[in-house]
N, C-alpha and C. Protein backbone atom coordinates (compact mmCIF):
# COMPACT_ATOMS: atom_id res chain seq x y z
N MET A 1 -30.05 112.20 252.90
CA MET A 1 -29.82 111.21 253.95
C MET A 1 -28.43 111.40 254.55
N PHE A 2 -28.25 110.83 255.71
CA PHE A 2 -26.98 110.81 256.43
C PHE A 2 -26.48 112.21 256.77
N ASN A 3 -27.40 113.14 256.98
CA ASN A 3 -27.01 114.50 257.36
C ASN A 3 -27.35 114.82 258.81
N GLY A 4 -27.87 113.84 259.55
CA GLY A 4 -28.26 114.08 260.93
C GLY A 4 -27.06 114.09 261.87
N THR A 5 -27.35 114.14 263.14
CA THR A 5 -26.32 114.09 264.18
C THR A 5 -25.60 112.75 264.09
N LYS A 6 -24.29 112.81 264.01
CA LYS A 6 -23.49 111.59 263.83
C LYS A 6 -23.10 111.00 265.19
N ILE A 7 -23.45 109.73 265.36
CA ILE A 7 -23.14 109.02 266.60
C ILE A 7 -22.26 107.83 266.23
N ILE A 8 -21.09 107.77 266.83
CA ILE A 8 -20.10 106.73 266.52
C ILE A 8 -19.90 105.86 267.75
N SER A 9 -20.05 104.55 267.56
CA SER A 9 -19.90 103.64 268.70
C SER A 9 -18.46 103.66 269.21
N GLN A 10 -18.29 103.31 270.46
CA GLN A 10 -16.95 103.26 271.06
C GLN A 10 -16.06 102.25 270.33
N SER A 11 -16.64 101.15 269.88
CA SER A 11 -15.83 100.14 269.18
C SER A 11 -15.29 100.68 267.86
N VAL A 12 -16.05 101.50 267.15
CA VAL A 12 -15.54 102.15 265.93
C VAL A 12 -14.45 103.13 266.30
N GLN A 13 -14.67 103.92 267.34
CA GLN A 13 -13.66 104.89 267.77
C GLN A 13 -12.35 104.20 268.12
N ASP A 14 -12.44 103.00 268.70
CA ASP A 14 -11.23 102.27 269.09
C ASP A 14 -10.53 101.60 267.90
N ALA A 15 -11.30 101.16 266.91
CA ALA A 15 -10.73 100.34 265.83
C ALA A 15 -10.41 101.11 264.55
N VAL A 16 -11.07 102.23 264.34
CA VAL A 16 -10.94 102.95 263.07
C VAL A 16 -10.43 104.36 263.34
N PRO A 17 -9.32 104.75 262.70
CA PRO A 17 -8.78 106.09 262.92
C PRO A 17 -9.79 107.18 262.53
N LEU A 18 -9.70 108.31 263.19
CA LEU A 18 -10.63 109.41 262.96
C LEU A 18 -10.65 109.84 261.49
N TRP A 19 -9.49 109.92 260.84
CA TRP A 19 -9.46 110.36 259.45
C TRP A 19 -10.27 109.41 258.56
N LEU A 20 -10.25 108.11 258.88
CA LEU A 20 -10.99 107.14 258.10
C LEU A 20 -12.49 107.20 258.40
N GLN A 21 -12.86 107.49 259.64
CA GLN A 21 -14.26 107.72 259.97
C GLN A 21 -14.79 108.90 259.15
N ASN A 22 -13.98 109.95 259.03
CA ASN A 22 -14.39 111.13 258.25
C ASN A 22 -14.52 110.80 256.77
N VAL A 23 -13.64 109.95 256.25
CA VAL A 23 -13.75 109.52 254.85
C VAL A 23 -15.09 108.80 254.63
N ILE A 24 -15.46 107.93 255.55
CA ILE A 24 -16.72 107.20 255.42
C ILE A 24 -17.91 108.17 255.42
N TRP A 25 -17.92 109.14 256.33
CA TRP A 25 -19.01 110.13 256.33
C TRP A 25 -19.03 110.90 255.02
N TYR A 26 -17.86 111.28 254.52
CA TYR A 26 -17.78 112.03 253.27
C TYR A 26 -18.34 111.21 252.10
N VAL A 27 -17.95 109.93 252.03
CA VAL A 27 -18.44 109.05 250.97
C VAL A 27 -19.98 108.99 251.00
N LEU A 28 -20.54 108.87 252.19
CA LEU A 28 -22.00 108.81 252.31
C LEU A 28 -22.66 110.11 251.87
N GLU A 29 -22.11 111.22 252.30
CA GLU A 29 -22.72 112.51 252.01
C GLU A 29 -22.59 112.92 250.55
N THR A 30 -21.66 112.32 249.82
CA THR A 30 -21.44 112.70 248.42
C THR A 30 -21.85 111.61 247.44
N MET A 31 -22.54 110.56 247.91
CA MET A 31 -23.03 109.51 247.01
C MET A 31 -23.94 110.13 245.96
N ASP A 32 -23.71 109.76 244.71
CA ASP A 32 -24.50 110.32 243.62
C ASP A 32 -25.35 109.21 242.99
N ILE A 33 -26.35 108.76 243.74
CA ILE A 33 -27.29 107.77 243.22
C ILE A 33 -28.70 108.25 243.55
N PRO A 34 -29.68 107.81 242.76
CA PRO A 34 -31.05 108.33 242.97
C PRO A 34 -31.67 107.94 244.31
N VAL A 35 -31.41 106.72 244.78
CA VAL A 35 -32.02 106.26 246.03
C VAL A 35 -30.95 105.66 246.93
N GLN A 36 -30.86 106.19 248.14
CA GLN A 36 -29.94 105.64 249.13
C GLN A 36 -30.72 104.81 250.13
N SER A 37 -30.14 103.67 250.49
CA SER A 37 -30.72 102.83 251.54
C SER A 37 -30.35 103.43 252.89
N ALA A 38 -31.16 103.19 253.88
CA ALA A 38 -30.89 103.69 255.23
C ALA A 38 -29.76 102.93 255.91
N VAL A 39 -29.37 101.78 255.35
CA VAL A 39 -28.27 100.99 255.91
C VAL A 39 -27.18 100.86 254.85
N GLN A 40 -25.99 101.29 255.22
CA GLN A 40 -24.83 101.24 254.32
C GLN A 40 -23.75 100.37 254.97
N SER A 41 -23.07 99.58 254.15
CA SER A 41 -22.05 98.66 254.64
C SER A 41 -20.68 99.07 254.11
N PHE A 42 -19.68 99.04 254.98
CA PHE A 42 -18.30 99.33 254.60
C PHE A 42 -17.40 98.22 255.11
N ARG A 43 -16.68 97.57 254.20
CA ARG A 43 -15.70 96.55 254.59
C ARG A 43 -14.31 97.11 254.32
N LEU A 44 -13.51 97.16 255.38
CA LEU A 44 -12.17 97.71 255.29
C LEU A 44 -11.15 96.58 255.36
N THR A 45 -10.25 96.53 254.39
CA THR A 45 -9.19 95.53 254.38
C THR A 45 -7.87 96.21 254.03
N SER A 46 -6.78 95.66 254.55
CA SER A 46 -5.45 96.25 254.35
C SER A 46 -4.45 95.21 253.91
N GLN A 47 -3.49 95.67 253.10
CA GLN A 47 -2.35 94.85 252.72
C GLN A 47 -1.11 95.73 252.74
N PRO A 48 0.05 95.19 253.17
CA PRO A 48 1.27 96.00 253.16
C PRO A 48 1.64 96.42 251.74
N LYS A 49 2.15 97.63 251.63
CA LYS A 49 2.65 98.09 250.33
C LYS A 49 4.04 97.49 250.11
N THR A 50 4.31 97.04 248.90
CA THR A 50 5.61 96.44 248.62
C THR A 50 6.70 97.50 248.50
N ASP A 51 6.35 98.71 248.06
CA ASP A 51 7.37 99.75 247.88
C ASP A 51 7.64 100.56 249.15
N ASP A 52 6.78 100.45 250.16
CA ASP A 52 6.97 101.19 251.41
C ASP A 52 6.41 100.35 252.57
N PRO A 53 7.28 99.67 253.30
CA PRO A 53 6.78 98.79 254.38
C PRO A 53 6.12 99.53 255.54
N ARG A 54 6.21 100.86 255.56
CA ARG A 54 5.59 101.63 256.65
C ARG A 54 4.17 102.06 256.33
N SER A 55 3.65 101.70 255.15
CA SER A 55 2.28 102.06 254.81
C SER A 55 1.54 100.88 254.20
N TYR A 56 0.23 101.02 254.09
CA TYR A 56 -0.64 99.91 253.69
C TYR A 56 -1.61 100.35 252.60
N HIS A 57 -1.92 99.42 251.69
CA HIS A 57 -3.02 99.60 250.75
C HIS A 57 -4.30 99.34 251.55
N LEU A 58 -5.19 100.28 251.54
CA LEU A 58 -6.46 100.14 252.25
C LEU A 58 -7.59 100.12 251.23
N THR A 59 -8.37 99.07 251.25
CA THR A 59 -9.54 98.97 250.36
C THR A 59 -10.80 99.17 251.20
N VAL A 60 -11.63 100.09 250.74
CA VAL A 60 -12.91 100.35 251.39
C VAL A 60 -13.99 99.93 250.40
N LEU A 61 -14.68 98.85 250.70
CA LEU A 61 -15.77 98.37 249.86
C LEU A 61 -17.08 98.86 250.45
N HIS A 62 -17.75 99.72 249.69
CA HIS A 62 -18.98 100.35 250.15
C HIS A 62 -20.15 99.72 249.40
N CYS A 63 -21.15 99.22 250.13
CA CYS A 63 -22.29 98.54 249.50
C CYS A 63 -23.60 98.94 250.17
N GLN A 64 -24.67 98.81 249.37
CA GLN A 64 -26.03 98.82 249.91
C GLN A 64 -26.81 97.77 249.13
N GLN A 65 -27.86 97.24 249.74
CA GLN A 65 -28.59 96.15 249.10
C GLN A 65 -29.71 96.60 248.18
N HIS A 66 -30.56 97.53 248.63
CA HIS A 66 -31.72 97.93 247.82
C HIS A 66 -31.81 99.43 247.72
N PRO A 67 -31.68 100.02 246.54
CA PRO A 67 -31.25 99.37 245.31
C PRO A 67 -29.77 99.02 245.41
N TYR A 68 -29.39 98.01 244.64
CA TYR A 68 -28.02 97.51 244.72
C TYR A 68 -27.02 98.61 244.34
N TYR A 69 -25.98 98.70 245.16
CA TYR A 69 -24.89 99.66 244.92
C TYR A 69 -23.62 99.06 245.48
N ARG A 70 -22.53 99.22 244.74
CA ARG A 70 -21.24 98.71 245.20
C ARG A 70 -20.16 99.59 244.61
N LYS A 71 -19.26 100.08 245.45
CA LYS A 71 -18.14 100.89 244.98
C LYS A 71 -16.93 100.62 245.87
N GLU A 72 -15.79 100.49 245.22
CA GLU A 72 -14.56 100.21 245.94
C GLU A 72 -13.67 101.46 245.90
N HIS A 73 -13.14 101.81 247.06
CA HIS A 73 -12.26 102.96 247.19
C HIS A 73 -10.88 102.46 247.61
N ALA A 74 -9.84 102.96 246.97
CA ALA A 74 -8.47 102.56 247.31
C ALA A 74 -7.77 103.75 247.97
N LEU A 75 -7.21 103.50 249.15
CA LEU A 75 -6.52 104.53 249.92
C LEU A 75 -5.18 103.98 250.40
N THR A 76 -4.36 104.87 250.92
CA THR A 76 -3.13 104.48 251.59
C THR A 76 -3.25 104.85 253.06
N ALA A 77 -2.85 103.93 253.92
CA ALA A 77 -3.00 104.14 255.37
C ALA A 77 -1.66 103.91 256.07
N PRO A 78 -1.41 104.62 257.17
CA PRO A 78 -0.16 104.43 257.91
C PRO A 78 -0.14 103.16 258.75
N ARG A 79 -1.33 102.58 259.00
CA ARG A 79 -1.39 101.32 259.75
C ARG A 79 -2.53 100.48 259.19
N PRO A 80 -2.47 99.16 259.39
CA PRO A 80 -3.53 98.31 258.84
C PRO A 80 -4.86 98.51 259.58
N VAL A 81 -5.92 98.44 258.82
CA VAL A 81 -7.27 98.52 259.39
C VAL A 81 -8.11 97.44 258.72
N THR A 82 -8.70 96.58 259.53
CA THR A 82 -9.62 95.56 259.03
C THR A 82 -10.88 95.64 259.87
N ALA A 83 -12.01 95.92 259.20
CA ALA A 83 -13.26 96.07 259.96
C ALA A 83 -14.45 95.98 259.01
N HIS A 84 -15.61 95.70 259.59
CA HIS A 84 -16.88 95.78 258.88
C HIS A 84 -17.72 96.78 259.64
N ILE A 85 -18.11 97.83 258.96
CA ILE A 85 -18.84 98.93 259.58
C ILE A 85 -20.21 99.07 258.93
N LEU A 86 -21.23 99.26 259.75
CA LEU A 86 -22.56 99.61 259.26
C LEU A 86 -22.85 101.04 259.66
N VAL A 87 -23.41 101.79 258.71
CA VAL A 87 -23.88 103.14 259.01
C VAL A 87 -25.39 103.13 258.77
N ILE A 88 -26.12 103.54 259.80
CA ILE A 88 -27.58 103.49 259.76
C ILE A 88 -28.14 104.89 259.91
N ASP A 89 -28.99 105.27 258.95
CA ASP A 89 -29.63 106.58 258.99
C ASP A 89 -31.00 106.42 259.64
N ASN A 90 -31.16 107.04 260.79
CA ASN A 90 -32.42 107.01 261.53
C ASN A 90 -32.67 108.44 262.02
N PRO A 91 -33.19 109.30 261.11
CA PRO A 91 -33.31 110.72 261.45
C PRO A 91 -33.96 110.94 262.81
N PRO A 92 -33.42 111.86 263.55
CA PRO A 92 -32.41 112.86 263.20
C PRO A 92 -30.97 112.43 263.49
N HIS A 93 -30.72 111.11 263.59
CA HIS A 93 -29.39 110.63 263.92
C HIS A 93 -28.85 109.69 262.83
N CYS A 94 -27.53 109.59 262.77
CA CYS A 94 -26.83 108.63 261.92
C CYS A 94 -25.88 107.86 262.83
N PHE A 95 -25.94 106.55 262.76
CA PHE A 95 -25.14 105.71 263.65
C PHE A 95 -24.08 104.96 262.85
N MET A 96 -22.84 104.98 263.35
CA MET A 96 -21.75 104.20 262.78
C MET A 96 -21.38 103.11 263.79
N LEU A 97 -21.56 101.85 263.36
CA LEU A 97 -21.39 100.71 264.26
C LEU A 97 -20.39 99.71 263.69
N LEU A 98 -19.64 99.07 264.57
CA LEU A 98 -18.71 98.02 264.17
C LEU A 98 -19.42 96.68 264.26
N CYS A 99 -19.32 95.89 263.21
CA CYS A 99 -19.96 94.56 263.19
C CYS A 99 -19.00 93.52 263.74
């Protein structure tokens, strides 16, 4: 799943840096679970780092409903990002949308 032509909405392009879009695609393509849902949810939240005010702790919460899956990824980002993204697999395309 999630290997089709990738289509990213303009709102995602405006709100989420390209490197982070690539991280999301990578996470999807390397998921190691027996069954993937066609709809994947990513919640991005940021908090300033106390040791470096120029960077942020970025939490990426990745979920699917059936079968249940939840994984949290911790990253460092140069600017804050807060968003809810849905990725939908509809072969031969994969859509990344901002909620």
